[in-house]
Amino acid sequence: MMNDQELKAALEGLKNDSPKKFKQSYDLIVALKDLNLKNPDEQVEFFTQVHKTLGRKRKVCALVGPEMADDAKSVFDTVILLDDFDGLTKQQLKRIASEHEFFVGQANIMPKIAGTWGRVLGPRGKMPNPKAGCIVPPKAPLAPLYEKLQRTVKVSVKKSPSVQVLIGTEEMPIEDVMDNIKTVLDQIIHHLPKEKNNMRYAFVKLTMSKPVKVA
């Protein structure tokens, strides 16, 4: 379905033709077919990890109680303590939500997290998610989770029969980007109700380029 030589040529062509004004990202775009997204059984949402890196730092915010404060501050980009929840304005909540890729929540305060953050993080699909390992008990080791999230891709097909996800950057070795594409595409196919029969096309693009068909 996907020829390695053609995929490599497509990625190299995008890279060679791109302006060099800033570091662009590669996105994988998958167009799907024969899905009834009104049926929850045909909706798809999962997290998967690539083998090395996505080439771009993913900011992670921890929402924790005082017993996890020190450990969390040594690992995560932002830590917000339970005692500070009530003092946050709507504007602050929205800004924090937009600035972070993932949110990690302490398990025993999840009702408080839902009450304060649910209306902001829920519509963005960023509530702490157990499928990504983002709901943690107070004694959980945090550094391995942070490292895993740096390689984590979220795939969600609920409203539109298509997927667009970050897959790497143009500064990465082409072989690593190719591996990421194949890893994530294989997982998308595996999670679809009819597997490869639900896939219409796959494209790759850089931030400022047009999509190029690769499958």
Protein backbone atom coordinates (compact mmCIF):
# COMPACT_ATOMS: atom_id res chain seq x y z
CA MET A 1 0.00 0.00 0.00
CA MET A 2 2.90 2.37 0.80
CA ASN A 3 6.11 2.15 -1.17
CA ASP A 4 9.21 3.17 0.84
CA GLN A 5 11.02 4.67 -2.13
CA GLU A 6 8.00 6.74 -3.16
CA LEU A 7 7.43 7.86 0.43
CA LYS A 8 11.06 8.92 0.82
CA ALA A 9 10.95 10.79 -2.50
CA ALA A 10 7.76 12.60 -1.43
CA LEU A 11 9.27 13.71 1.90
CA GLU A 12 12.53 14.82 0.29
CA GLY A 13 10.62 16.72 -2.39
CA LEU A 14 8.58 18.58 0.23
CA LYS A 15 11.72 19.40 2.21
CA ASN A 16 13.70 20.61 -0.80
CA ASP A 17 10.88 22.83 -2.03
CA SER A 18 10.07 24.40 1.33
CA PRO A 19 11.06 27.93 2.37
CA LYS A 20 13.80 27.95 5.01
CA LYS A 21 12.42 30.80 7.12
CA PHE A 22 11.39 28.58 10.04
CA LYS A 23 11.32 24.92 11.11
CA GLN A 24 8.28 23.35 9.48
CA SER A 25 6.42 20.26 10.69
CA TYR A 26 5.37 17.23 8.70
CA ASP A 27 1.71 16.26 9.10
CA LEU A 28 0.13 12.96 8.16
CA ILE A 29 -3.39 13.36 6.74
CA VAL A 30 -5.60 10.30 6.29
CA ALA A 31 -8.91 10.50 4.44
CA LEU A 32 -11.37 7.77 5.42
CA LYS A 33 -14.50 6.26 3.88
CA ASP A 34 -17.52 4.10 4.72
CA LEU A 35 -17.70 5.26 8.33
CA ASN A 36 -20.96 6.14 10.08
CA LEU A 37 -19.65 8.56 12.68
CA LYS A 38 -23.11 8.93 14.19
CA ASN A 39 -22.59 5.38 15.44
CA PRO A 40 -20.26 5.48 18.48
CA ASP A 41 -18.99 2.00 17.56
CA GLU A 42 -17.49 3.41 14.36
CA GLN A 43 -15.86 6.42 16.00
CA VAL A 44 -12.13 6.09 16.61
CA GLU A 45 -10.00 7.61 19.35
CA PHE A 46 -6.68 6.28 20.62
CA PHE A 47 -3.13 7.22 21.59
CA THR A 48 -0.04 5.68 20.05
CA GLN A 49 3.70 6.23 20.41
CA VAL A 50 6.33 6.66 17.73
CA HIS A 51 9.71 5.02 18.28
CA LYS A 52 12.02 8.04 18.61
CA THR A 53 10.72 11.58 18.50
CA LEU A 54 8.20 13.88 16.85
CA GLY A 55 10.86 16.56 16.52
CA ARG A 56 9.00 19.12 18.57
CA LYS A 57 8.65 19.55 22.32
CA ARG A 58 5.16 18.83 23.62
CA LYS A 59 4.32 20.99 26.63
CA VAL A 60 2.69 19.07 29.48
CA CYS A 61 0.78 20.59 32.39
CA ALA A 62 0.22 18.73 35.66
CA LEU A 63 -2.85 19.33 37.81
CA VAL A 64 -2.00 17.96 41.26
CA GLY A 65 -2.42 18.22 45.00
CA PRO A 66 0.30 19.32 47.43
CA GLU A 67 1.59 15.76 47.96
CA MET A 68 2.75 15.60 44.31
CA ALA A 69 3.87 19.21 43.95
CA ASP A 70 7.64 18.74 44.29
CA ASP A 71 7.85 15.69 42.02
CA ALA A 72 5.63 17.29 39.39
CA LYS A 73 7.61 20.56 39.38
CA SER A 74 10.81 18.61 38.72
CA VAL A 75 9.31 16.98 35.61
CA PHE A 76 6.53 18.95 33.93
CA ASP A 77 6.55 22.25 32.04
CA THR A 78 3.75 23.72 34.15
CA VAL A 79 2.31 22.59 37.49
CA ILE A 80 -0.93 23.97 38.90
CA LEU A 81 -1.87 22.98 42.43
CA LEU A 82 -5.38 22.15 43.58
CA ASP A 83 -5.34 25.08 46.03
CA ASP A 84 -4.80 27.48 43.12
CA PHE A 85 -7.67 26.23 40.94
CA ASP A 86 -10.28 28.63 42.30
CA GLY A 87 -8.09 31.68 41.71
CA LEU A 88 -7.78 31.15 37.96
CA THR A 89 -9.82 33.34 35.63
CA LYS A 90 -11.53 32.06 32.48
CA GLN A 91 -8.89 33.82 30.40
CA GLN A 92 -6.09 32.12 32.34
CA LEU A 93 -7.73 28.71 31.97
CA LYS A 94 -8.09 29.20 28.20
CA ARG A 95 -4.51 30.39 27.83
CA ILE A 96 -3.13 27.42 29.76
CA ALA A 97 -5.33 25.05 27.75
CA SER A 98 -4.08 26.44 24.45
CA GLU A 99 -0.39 26.42 25.49
CA HIS A 100 -0.19 22.73 26.46
CA GLU A 101 -0.51 19.57 24.41
CA PHE A 102 -1.30 17.22 27.32
CA PHE A 103 -2.68 17.51 30.84
CA VAL A 104 -1.83 15.07 33.62
CA GLY A 105 -4.22 14.80 36.56
CA GLN A 106 -3.79 13.34 40.05
CA ALA A 107 -6.32 10.51 40.29
CA ASN A 108 -7.84 11.32 43.68
CA ILE A 109 -8.60 14.94 42.75
CA MET A 110 -10.11 14.23 39.33
CA PRO A 111 -13.60 15.42 40.41
CA LYS A 112 -12.06 18.81 41.32
CA ILE A 113 -10.14 18.86 38.03
CA ALA A 114 -13.33 18.11 36.10
CA GLY A 115 -15.20 20.86 37.94
CA THR A 116 -12.60 23.55 37.25
CA TRP A 117 -11.08 22.49 33.95
CA GLY A 118 -13.74 20.38 32.22
CA ARG A 119 -15.45 23.19 30.32
CA VAL A 120 -12.09 24.41 28.94
CA LEU A 121 -10.23 21.15 28.33
CA GLY A 122 -13.21 18.97 27.36
CA PRO A 123 -14.07 20.70 24.04
CA ARG A 124 -10.36 20.71 23.15
CA GLY A 125 -10.02 16.98 23.82
CA LYS A 126 -7.35 17.69 26.43
CA MET A 127 -8.83 16.40 29.70
CA PRO A 128 -6.42 14.03 31.50
CA ASN A 129 -7.01 10.74 29.72
CA PRO A 130 -6.36 7.31 31.25
CA LYS A 131 -5.77 5.87 27.76
CA ALA A 132 -2.67 8.07 27.53
CA GLY A 133 -1.63 7.29 31.10
CA CYS A 134 -2.46 10.86 32.13
CA ILE A 135 -4.43 10.06 35.30
CA VAL A 136 -1.86 9.14 37.93
CA PRO A 137 -1.91 8.04 41.57
CA PRO A 138 -0.03 10.23 44.07
CA LYS A 139 3.05 7.97 44.18
CA ALA A 140 3.37 7.45 40.42
CA PRO A 141 6.78 7.93 38.74
CA LEU A 142 6.35 10.99 36.53
CA ALA A 143 9.50 11.25 34.43
CA PRO A 144 8.75 8.14 32.30
CA LEU A 145 5.25 9.48 31.60
CA TYR A 146 6.64 12.84 30.47
CA GLU A 147 9.07 11.11 28.12
CA LYS A 148 6.32 8.90 26.71
CA LEU A 149 4.08 11.89 26.04
CA GLN A 150 6.87 13.47 23.97
CA ARG A 151 6.41 10.55 21.55
CA THR A 152 2.62 10.27 21.80
CA VAL A 153 0.20 10.92 18.94
CA LYS A 154 -3.53 11.27 19.58
CA VAL A 155 -5.82 10.09 16.79
CA SER A 156 -9.49 11.10 16.96
CA VAL A 157 -12.15 10.40 14.33
CA LYS A 158 -15.49 11.52 15.75
CA LYS A 159 -16.84 14.42 13.68
CA SER A 160 -15.15 14.19 10.29
CA PRO A 161 -13.89 11.13 8.33
CA SER A 162 -10.29 12.35 8.32
CA VAL A 163 -7.23 12.53 10.55
CA GLN A 164 -4.42 15.10 10.61
CA VAL A 165 -1.56 14.59 13.07
CA LEU A 166 1.97 15.88 13.63
CA ILE A 167 4.43 13.25 12.45
CA GLY A 168 7.81 15.02 12.61
CA THR A 169 9.79 18.06 11.49
CA GLU A 170 11.94 18.79 8.47
CA GLU A 171 15.05 18.85 10.67
CA MET A 172 14.62 15.17 11.52
CA PRO A 173 16.29 12.39 9.49
CA ILE A 174 13.95 11.37 6.65
CA GLU A 175 14.14 7.75 7.83
CA ASP A 176 12.74 8.71 11.25
CA VAL A 177 9.84 10.60 9.65
CA MET A 178 9.14 7.60 7.42
CA ASP A 179 9.11 5.30 10.46
CA ASN A 180 6.70 7.62 12.26
CA ILE A 181 4.36 7.71 9.26
CA LYS A 182 4.29 3.94 8.93
CA THR A 183 3.86 3.42 12.68
CA VAL A 184 0.93 5.82 13.02
CA LEU A 185 -0.74 4.79 9.76
CA ASP A 186 -0.57 1.12 10.76
CA GLN A 187 -2.23 1.97 14.09
CA ILE A 188 -4.96 4.01 12.39
CA ILE A 189 -5.75 1.12 10.06
CA HIS A 190 -5.70 -1.35 12.95
CA HIS A 191 -8.26 0.71 14.91
CA LEU A 192 -10.72 1.22 12.03
CA PRO A 193 -13.81 -1.03 11.99
CA LYS A 194 -13.00 -2.38 8.51
CA GLU A 195 -9.27 -1.69 8.78
CA LYS A 196 -7.67 -0.82 5.41
CA ASN A 197 -11.07 -0.90 3.69
CA ASN A 198 -11.98 2.28 5.61
CA MET A 199 -8.96 4.16 4.28
CA ARG A 200 -9.37 6.29 1.18
CA TYR A 201 -6.02 8.11 0.86
CA ALA A 202 -3.01 9.15 2.92
CA PHE A 203 -1.12 12.41 2.38
CA VAL A 204 1.90 14.13 3.91
CA LYS A 205 2.52 17.86 4.00
CA LEU A 206 4.78 20.45 5.54
CA THR A 207 3.33 23.42 7.42
CA MET A 208 3.45 25.67 4.34
CA SER A 209 3.11 23.08 1.55
CA LYS A 210 0.29 21.43 -0.31
CA PRO A 211 -0.46 17.78 0.58
CA VAL A 212 1.28 15.03 -1.39
CA LYS A 213 -0.42 11.66 -1.74
CA VAL A 214 1.62 8.73 -0.39
CA ALA A 215 -0.99 5.93 -0.17
